[in-house]
C-alpha atoms as a PDB file:
ATOM      1  CA  MET A   1      -2.963  10.933  12.671  1.00  0.00           C
ATOM      2  CA  ILE A   2      -4.484   8.986  15.549  1.00  0.00           C
ATOM      3  CA  PRO A   3      -8.211   9.462  16.204  1.00  0.00           C
ATOM      4  CA  LEU A   4      -9.124   9.775  19.884  1.00  0.00           C
ATOM      5  CA  LYS A   5     -12.912  10.269  19.861  1.00  0.00           C
ATOM      6  CA  ASP A   6     -15.721  11.643  17.736  1.00  0.00           C
ATOM      7  CA  ASP A   7     -18.580  14.035  18.488  1.00  0.00           C
ATOM      8  CA  ASN A   8     -21.189  11.732  16.971  1.00  0.00           C
ATOM      9  CA  PRO A   9     -23.643  10.561  19.680  1.00  0.00           C
ATOM     10  CA  THR A  10     -25.560   7.298  19.355  1.00  0.00           C
ATOM     11  CA  ARG A  11     -29.198   6.608  20.119  1.00  0.00           C
ATOM     12  CA  GLY A  12     -28.755   3.021  21.270  1.00  0.00           C
ATOM     13  CA  PHE A  13     -26.254   0.970  23.259  1.00  0.00           C
ATOM     14  CA  PRO A  14     -23.423  -0.438  21.060  1.00  0.00           C
ATOM     15  CA  PHE A  15     -23.811  -3.989  22.359  1.00  0.00           C
ATOM     16  CA  VAL A  16     -22.237  -5.770  19.384  1.00  0.00           C
ATOM     17  CA  THR A  17     -19.307  -3.359  19.118  1.00  0.00           C
ATOM     18  CA  LEU A  18     -18.465  -3.890  22.784  1.00  0.00           C
ATOM     19  CA  CYS A  19     -18.833  -7.672  22.447  1.00  0.00           C
ATOM     20  CA  ILE A  20     -16.446  -7.719  19.469  1.00  0.00           C
ATOM     21  CA  ILE A  21     -13.925  -5.635  21.395  1.00  0.00           C
ATOM     22  CA  ALA A  22     -14.242  -7.905  24.445  1.00  0.00           C
ATOM     23  CA  ALA A  23     -13.799 -11.019  22.303  1.00  0.00           C
ATOM     24  CA  ASN A  24     -10.666  -9.620  20.641  1.00  0.00           C
ATOM     25  CA  LEU A  25      -9.148  -8.636  23.984  1.00  0.00           C
ATOM     26  CA  ALA A  26      -9.982 -12.006  25.536  1.00  0.00           C
ATOM     27  CA  VAL A  27      -8.383 -13.904  22.653  1.00  0.00           C
ATOM     28  CA  PHE A  28      -5.300 -11.690  22.812  1.00  0.00           C
ATOM     29  CA  VAL A  29      -4.887 -12.347  26.545  1.00  0.00           C
ATOM     30  CA  TRP A  30      -5.165 -16.048  25.746  1.00  0.00           C
ATOM     31  CA  GLU A  31      -2.412 -15.647  23.145  1.00  0.00           C
ATOM     32  CA  LEU A  32      -0.180 -13.903  25.691  1.00  0.00           C
ATOM     33  CA  LEU A  33      -0.620 -16.736  28.172  1.00  0.00           C
ATOM     34  CA  LEU A  34       0.475 -19.385  25.668  1.00  0.00           C
ATOM     35  CA  PRO A  35       4.110 -20.478  25.313  1.00  0.00           C
ATOM     36  CA  ALA A  36       5.849 -18.939  22.288  1.00  0.00           C
ATOM     37  CA  ASP A  37       5.721 -22.152  20.231  1.00  0.00           C
ATOM     38  CA  ALA A  38       2.048 -22.729  21.022  1.00  0.00           C
ATOM     39  CA  SER A  39       1.241 -19.142  20.057  1.00  0.00           C
ATOM     40  CA  LYS A  40       2.937 -19.581  16.676  1.00  0.00           C
ATOM     41  CA  THR A  41       1.033 -22.834  16.122  1.00  0.00           C
ATOM     42  CA  LEU A  42      -2.227 -21.104  17.004  1.00  0.00           C
ATOM     43  CA  ILE A  43      -1.618 -18.314  14.484  1.00  0.00           C
ATOM     44  CA  ALA A  44      -0.618 -20.811  11.793  1.00  0.00           C
ATOM     45  CA  SER A  45      -3.772 -22.846  12.432  1.00  0.00           C
ATOM     46  CA  LEU A  46      -6.324 -20.050  12.815  1.00  0.00           C
ATOM     47  CA  GLY A  47      -4.833 -17.367  10.569  1.00  0.00           C
ATOM     48  CA  VAL A  48      -5.582 -17.049   6.849  1.00  0.00           C
ATOM     49  CA  THR A  49      -2.658 -18.280   4.746  1.00  0.00           C
ATOM     50  CA  PRO A  50      -3.107 -17.162   1.110  1.00  0.00           C
ATOM     51  CA  LEU A  51      -1.284 -20.166  -0.378  1.00  0.00           C
ATOM     52  CA  GLN A  52      -3.590 -22.569   1.454  1.00  0.00           C
ATOM     53  CA  VAL A  53      -6.641 -20.722   0.150  1.00  0.00           C
ATOM     54  CA  THR A  54      -5.484 -20.683  -3.478  1.00  0.00           C
ATOM     55  CA  GLN A  55      -4.423 -24.345  -3.460  1.00  0.00           C
ATOM     56  CA  ILE A  56      -7.558 -25.698  -1.854  1.00  0.00           C
ATOM     57  CA  GLN A  57      -9.354 -28.537  -3.637  1.00  0.00           C
ATOM     58  CA  PRO A  58     -13.163 -28.153  -3.857  1.00  0.00           C
ATOM     59  CA  LEU A  59     -13.700 -31.886  -3.240  1.00  0.00           C
ATOM     60  CA  ASP A  60     -11.661 -31.852  -0.014  1.00  0.00           C
ATOM     61  CA  ALA A  61     -14.602 -30.974   2.218  1.00  0.00           C
ATOM     62  CA  ALA A  62     -12.743 -31.203   5.532  1.00  0.00           C
ATOM     63  CA  ARG A  63      -9.919 -28.920   4.393  1.00  0.00           C
ATOM     64  CA  LEU A  64     -12.398 -26.569   2.724  1.00  0.00           C
ATOM     65  CA  LEU A  65     -14.294 -26.253   6.002  1.00  0.00           C
ATOM     66  CA  ARG A  66     -11.099 -25.647   7.986  1.00  0.00           C
ATOM     67  CA  ILE A  67      -9.827 -22.960   5.606  1.00  0.00           C
ATOM     68  CA  GLY A  68     -13.267 -21.373   5.543  1.00  0.00           C
ATOM     69  CA  ALA A  69     -13.294 -21.203   9.334  1.00  0.00           C
ATOM     70  CA  THR A  70      -9.969 -19.360   9.379  1.00  0.00           C
ATOM     71  CA  LEU A  71     -11.581 -16.492   7.452  1.00  0.00           C
ATOM     72  CA  PHE A  72     -13.466 -15.771  10.674  1.00  0.00           C
ATOM     73  CA  THR A  73     -11.052 -16.907  13.392  1.00  0.00           C
ATOM     74  CA  ALA A  74      -8.236 -14.774  11.934  1.00  0.00           C
ATOM     75  CA  MET A  75     -10.264 -11.634  12.704  1.00  0.00           C
ATOM     76  CA  PHE A  76      -9.879 -12.225  16.433  1.00  0.00           C
ATOM     77  CA  LEU A  77      -6.107 -12.829  16.543  1.00  0.00           C
ATOM     78  CA  HIS A  78      -3.485 -10.110  16.923  1.00  0.00           C
ATOM     79  CA  GLY A  79       0.286 -10.080  16.859  1.00  0.00           C
ATOM     80  CA  SER A  80       1.121  -7.412  19.445  1.00  0.00           C
ATOM     81  CA  ILE A  81      -0.289  -4.983  21.996  1.00  0.00           C
ATOM     82  CA  PRO A  82      -0.093  -1.985  19.615  1.00  0.00           C
ATOM     83  CA  HIS A  83      -1.812  -4.091  16.933  1.00  0.00           C
ATOM     84  CA  VAL A  84      -4.827  -4.959  19.056  1.00  0.00           C
ATOM     85  CA  ALA A  85      -4.895  -1.572  20.831  1.00  0.00           C
ATOM     86  CA  MET A  86      -5.084   0.476  17.628  1.00  0.00           C
ATOM     87  CA  ASN A  87      -7.647  -1.826  16.068  1.00  0.00           C
ATOM     88  CA  MET A  88      -9.929  -1.686  19.097  1.00  0.00           C
ATOM     89  CA  LEU A  89      -9.534   2.093  19.348  1.00  0.00           C
ATOM     90  CA  TYR A  90     -10.700   2.532  15.746  1.00  0.00           C
ATOM     91  CA  LEU A  91     -13.529   0.054  16.241  1.00  0.00           C
ATOM     92  CA  TRP A  92     -14.794   1.820  19.357  1.00  0.00           C
ATOM     93  CA  ILE A  93     -14.655   5.319  17.850  1.00  0.00           C
ATOM     94  CA  PHE A  94     -16.333   4.469  14.541  1.00  0.00           C
ATOM     95  CA  GLY A  95     -18.150   1.177  15.133  1.00  0.00           C
ATOM     96  CA  ASN A  96     -20.773   2.346  17.625  1.00  0.00           C
ATOM     97  CA  ASN A  97     -22.302   4.807  15.169  1.00  0.00           C
ATOM     98  CA  ILE A  98     -22.448   2.253  12.356  1.00  0.00           C
ATOM     99  CA  GLU A  99     -24.094  -0.264  14.671  1.00  0.00           C
ATOM    100  CA  ASP A 100     -26.551   2.458  15.695  1.00  0.00           C
ATOM    101  CA  VAL A 101     -27.603   2.989  12.077  1.00  0.00           C
ATOM    102  CA  MET A 102     -27.598  -0.649  10.961  1.00  0.00           C
ATOM    103  CA  GLY A 103     -28.908  -2.359  14.068  1.00  0.00           C
ATOM    104  CA  HIS A 104     -27.130  -5.056  16.071  1.00  0.00           C
ATOM    105  CA  GLY A 105     -27.680  -8.072  13.816  1.00  0.00           C
ATOM    106  CA  ARG A 106     -27.029  -6.274  10.553  1.00  0.00           C
ATOM    107  CA  PHE A 107     -23.887  -4.676  11.954  1.00  0.00           C
ATOM    108  CA  LEU A 108     -22.438  -8.014  13.066  1.00  0.00           C
ATOM    109  CA  THR A 109     -23.136  -9.538   9.652  1.00  0.00           C
ATOM    110  CA  TYR A 110     -21.698  -6.468   7.942  1.00  0.00           C
ATOM    111  CA  TYR A 111     -18.549  -6.539  10.078  1.00  0.00           C
ATOM    112  CA  LEU A 112     -17.858 -10.218   9.434  1.00  0.00           C
ATOM    113  CA  THR A 113     -18.636  -9.890   5.715  1.00  0.00           C
ATOM    114  CA  CYS A 114     -16.186  -7.007   5.325  1.00  0.00           C
ATOM    115  CA  GLY A 115     -13.573  -9.034   7.172  1.00  0.00           C
ATOM    116  CA  VAL A 116     -13.974 -12.016   4.861  1.00  0.00           C
ATOM    117  CA  LEU A 117     -13.871  -9.841   1.734  1.00  0.00           C
ATOM    118  CA  ALA A 118     -10.775  -8.093   3.098  1.00  0.00           C
ATOM    119  CA  SER A 119      -9.022 -11.444   3.464  1.00  0.00           C
ATOM    120  CA  PHE A 120      -9.895 -12.410  -0.094  1.00  0.00           C
ATOM    121  CA  SER A 121      -8.492  -9.079  -1.294  1.00  0.00           C
ATOM    122  CA  GLN A 122      -5.152  -9.846   0.317  1.00  0.00           C
ATOM    123  CA  VAL A 123      -5.197 -13.411  -1.039  1.00  0.00           C
ATOM    124  CA  ALA A 124      -5.799 -12.028  -4.535  1.00  0.00           C
ATOM    125  CA  ALA A 125      -2.894  -9.605  -4.119  1.00  0.00           C
ATOM    126  CA  SER A 126      -0.434 -12.210  -2.783  1.00  0.00           C
ATOM    127  CA  PRO A 127      -1.790 -15.659  -3.682  1.00  0.00           C
ATOM    128  CA  HIS A 128       1.507 -17.464  -3.050  1.00  0.00           C
ATOM    129  CA  SER A 129       2.209 -16.022   0.398  1.00  0.00           C
ATOM    130  CA  LYS A 130       2.856 -18.528   3.177  1.00  0.00           C
ATOM    131  CA  VAL A 131       2.511 -15.921   5.914  1.00  0.00           C
ATOM    132  CA  PRO A 132      -0.713 -16.231   7.960  1.00  0.00           C
ATOM    133  CA  MET A 133      -2.891 -13.110   8.043  1.00  0.00           C
ATOM    134  CA  ILE A 134      -4.378 -12.167  11.407  1.00  0.00           C
ATOM    135  CA  GLY A 135      -6.136  -9.177  12.877  1.00  0.00           C
ATOM    136  CA  ALA A 136      -9.418  -7.308  12.809  1.00  0.00           C
ATOM    137  CA  SER A 137      -8.045  -4.574  10.535  1.00  0.00           C
ATOM    138  CA  GLY A 138      -9.875  -5.739   7.404  1.00  0.00           C
ATOM    139  CA  ALA A 139     -13.269  -5.849   9.098  1.00  0.00           C
ATOM    140  CA  ILE A 140     -12.640  -2.532  10.846  1.00  0.00           C
ATOM    141  CA  SER A 141     -11.621  -1.007   7.514  1.00  0.00           C
ATOM    142  CA  GLY A 142     -15.127  -1.850   6.346  1.00  0.00           C
ATOM    143  CA  VAL A 143     -16.512   0.046   9.328  1.00  0.00           C
ATOM    144  CA  LEU A 144     -14.348   3.036   8.376  1.00  0.00           C
ATOM    145  CA  GLY A 145     -15.733   2.904   4.838  1.00  0.00           C
ATOM    146  CA  ALA A 146     -19.286   2.961   6.180  1.00  0.00           C
ATOM    147  CA  TYR A 147     -18.496   5.865   8.490  1.00  0.00           C
ATOM    148  CA  LEU A 148     -17.032   7.864   5.614  1.00  0.00           C
ATOM    149  CA  VAL A 149     -20.228   7.405   3.616  1.00  0.00           C
ATOM    150  CA  MET A 150     -22.694   8.038   6.441  1.00  0.00           C
ATOM    151  CA  PHE A 151     -20.928  10.599   8.642  1.00  0.00           C
ATOM    152  CA  PRO A 152     -18.397  12.530   6.530  1.00  0.00           C
ATOM    153  CA  ALA A 153     -18.969  15.782   8.412  1.00  0.00           C
ATOM    154  CA  ALA A 154     -18.660  14.340  11.930  1.00  0.00           C
ATOM    155  CA  ARG A 155     -15.816  15.910  13.890  1.00  0.00           C
ATOM    156  CA  VAL A 156     -13.079  13.593  15.119  1.00  0.00           C
ATOM    157  CA  LEU A 157     -10.672  14.650  17.865  1.00  0.00           C
ATOM    158  CA  THR A 158      -7.332  13.631  16.377  1.00  0.00           C
ATOM    159  CA  LEU A 159      -3.744  13.476  17.611  1.00  0.00           C
ATOM    160  CA  ILE A 160      -1.523  14.790  14.814  1.00  0.00           C
ATOM    161  CA  PHE A 161       2.227  14.167  14.547  1.00  0.00           C
ATOM    162  CA  LEU A 162       4.175  16.256  12.025  1.00  0.00           C
ATOM    163  CA  VAL A 163       7.947  16.195  12.616  1.00  0.00           C
ATOM    164  CA  PHE A 164       8.198  18.161  15.908  1.00  0.00           C
ATOM    165  CA  PHE A 165       4.599  19.341  15.745  1.00  0.00           C
ATOM    166  CA  VAL A 166       2.248  17.413  18.046  1.00  0.00           C
ATOM    167  CA  ARG A 167      -1.267  18.669  18.572  1.00  0.00           C
ATOM    168  CA  VAL A 168      -4.802  17.467  19.255  1.00  0.00           C
ATOM    169  CA  VAL A 169      -7.296  18.999  16.817  1.00  0.00           C
ATOM    170  CA  SER A 170     -10.889  18.452  15.753  1.00  0.00           C
ATOM    171  CA  VAL A 171     -10.950  17.269  12.133  1.00  0.00           C
ATOM    172  CA  PRO A 172     -13.865  16.272   9.845  1.00  0.00           C
ATOM    173  CA  ALA A 173     -14.180  12.511   9.465  1.00  0.00           C
ATOM    174  CA  VAL A 174     -13.843  12.808   5.683  1.00  0.00           C
ATOM    175  CA  ILE A 175     -10.293  14.121   6.167  1.00  0.00           C
ATOM    176  CA  VAL A 176      -9.266  11.621   8.857  1.00  0.00           C
ATOM    177  CA  LEU A 177     -10.568   8.623   6.929  1.00  0.00           C
ATOM    178  CA  GLY A 178      -9.571  10.024   3.543  1.00  0.00           C
ATOM    179  CA  VAL A 179      -5.960  10.431   4.687  1.00  0.00           C
ATOM    180  CA  TRP A 180      -6.027   6.945   6.213  1.00  0.00           C
ATOM    181  CA  PHE A 181      -7.227   5.417   2.934  1.00  0.00           C
ATOM    182  CA  LEU A 182      -4.711   7.425   0.910  1.00  0.00           C
ATOM    183  CA  LEU A 183      -1.902   6.038   3.062  1.00  0.00           C
ATOM    184  CA  GLN A 184      -3.134   2.512   2.391  1.00  0.00           C
ATOM    185  CA  LEU A 185      -3.059   3.174  -1.353  1.00  0.00           C
ATOM    186  CA  LEU A 186       0.457   4.613  -1.155  1.00  0.00           C
ATOM    187  CA  ASN A 187       1.683   1.623   0.848  1.00  0.00           C
ATOM    188  CA  ALA A 188       0.060  -0.790  -1.598  1.00  0.00           C
ATOM    189  CA  GLY A 189       2.730   0.022  -4.187  1.00  0.00           C
ATOM    190  CA  GLN A 190       5.554  -1.130  -1.958  1.00  0.00           C
ATOM    191  CA  LEU A 191       6.299  -3.735   0.679  1.00  0.00           C
ATOM    192  CA  ALA A 192       4.339  -2.595   3.699  1.00  0.00           C
ATOM    193  CA  PRO A 193       6.340  -2.276   6.928  1.00  0.00           C
ATOM    194  CA  GLY A 194       6.074  -5.140   9.386  1.00  0.00           C
ATOM    195  CA  GLY A 195       4.223  -7.386   6.952  1.00  0.00           C
ATOM    196  CA  VAL A 196       1.033  -5.322   7.118  1.00  0.00           C
ATOM    197  CA  ALA A 197      -1.738  -6.715   4.890  1.00  0.00           C
ATOM    198  CA  VAL A 198      -2.412  -3.419   3.121  1.00  0.00           C
ATOM    199  CA  PHE A 199      -4.625  -4.935   0.430  1.00  0.00           C
ATOM    200  CA  ALA A 200      -6.861  -6.340   3.175  1.00  0.00           C
ATOM    201  CA  HIS A 201      -7.292  -2.792   4.452  1.00  0.00           C
ATOM    202  CA  ILE A 202      -8.116  -1.513   0.968  1.00  0.00           C
ATOM    203  CA  GLY A 203     -10.440  -4.405   0.193  1.00  0.00           C
ATOM    204  CA  GLY A 204     -12.231  -4.079   3.528  1.00  0.00           C
ATOM    205  CA  PHE A 205     -12.679  -0.322   3.094  1.00  0.00           C
ATOM    206  CA  VAL A 206     -14.036  -0.586  -0.451  1.00  0.00           C
ATOM    207  CA  SER A 207     -16.324  -3.450   0.597  1.00  0.00           C
ATOM    208  CA  GLY A 208     -17.607  -1.301   3.437  1.00  0.00           C
ATOM    209  CA  VAL A 209     -18.447   1.580   1.114  1.00  0.00           C
ATOM    210  CA  VAL A 210     -20.238  -0.710  -1.351  1.00  0.00           C
ATOM    211  CA  LEU A 211     -22.203  -2.629   1.301  1.00  0.00           C
ATOM    212  CA  VAL A 212     -23.524   0.385   3.212  1.00  0.00           C
ATOM    213  CA  ALA A 213     -26.756   0.670   1.231  1.00  0.00           C
ATOM    214  CA  PRO A 214     -28.032  -2.921   1.627  1.00  0.00           C
ATOM    215  CA  PHE A 215     -27.106  -3.079   5.316  1.00  0.00           C
ATOM    216  CA  ARG A 216     -28.376   0.334   6.374  1.00  0.00           C
ATOM    217  CA  ARG A 217     -31.518   0.098   8.479  1.00  0.00           C
ATOM    218  CA  ARG A 218     -32.262   3.810   8.565  1.00  0.00           C
ATOM    219  CA  ARG A 219     -30.774   6.917   7.002  1.00  0.00           C
ATOM    220  CA  PRO A 220     -28.280   8.712   9.278  1.00  0.00           C
ATOM    221  CA  ARG A 221     -28.444  12.391  10.101  1.00  0.00           C
ATOM    222  CA  GLN A 222     -25.797  13.204   7.495  1.00  0.00           C
ATOM    223  CA  SER A 223     -24.722  11.360   4.378  1.00  0.00           C
ATOM    224  CA  LEU A 224     -22.852  11.705   1.116  1.00  0.00           C
ATOM    225  CA  PHE A 225     -25.887  10.213  -0.677  1.00  0.00           C
END
């Protein structure tokens, strides 16, 4: 299932959502322009490596600051065109409505907080991993969690693949996002394909659901609560 658009209009301009998308695309273009070795060095330096996080010494202030910074820089790095394209598609479809409800400043704080908590979830699941984590997926998963809580009945135009069956249908958000989360849970029990940080997705989504209440500026038109 690939969401294409929703029928959920916004009242304000999604300034922060567009800025986040622009920043991710700009960083990815920068990555593409780097030589292969320099790109690998960049990911190793700015990605979140679980082993480095778990072995950090509290008294090593410089290293603590550097590792802490990667929790944010990793959100703006991506490994491939499909990686960044799918992330930005999900962010555009679901992020503008969450920003509309929370307000620009709250939404930015919410997005970054979900991203950090998503990284910690993956670190907790694989504390000895030496593979850097990159991508906005964890933060965007938080946005999906908020959308599920606030707009479960919104209709989402979705491209569905089922063997030889391909069709575009309008599906309630609760089904689209519920199926997405179920797939993350199913993948969590096995080695995810392509080194996907599934526990970051799960942690970001759960964080998003939990943090909706304190970050919500006004009550949306429809809600599970």
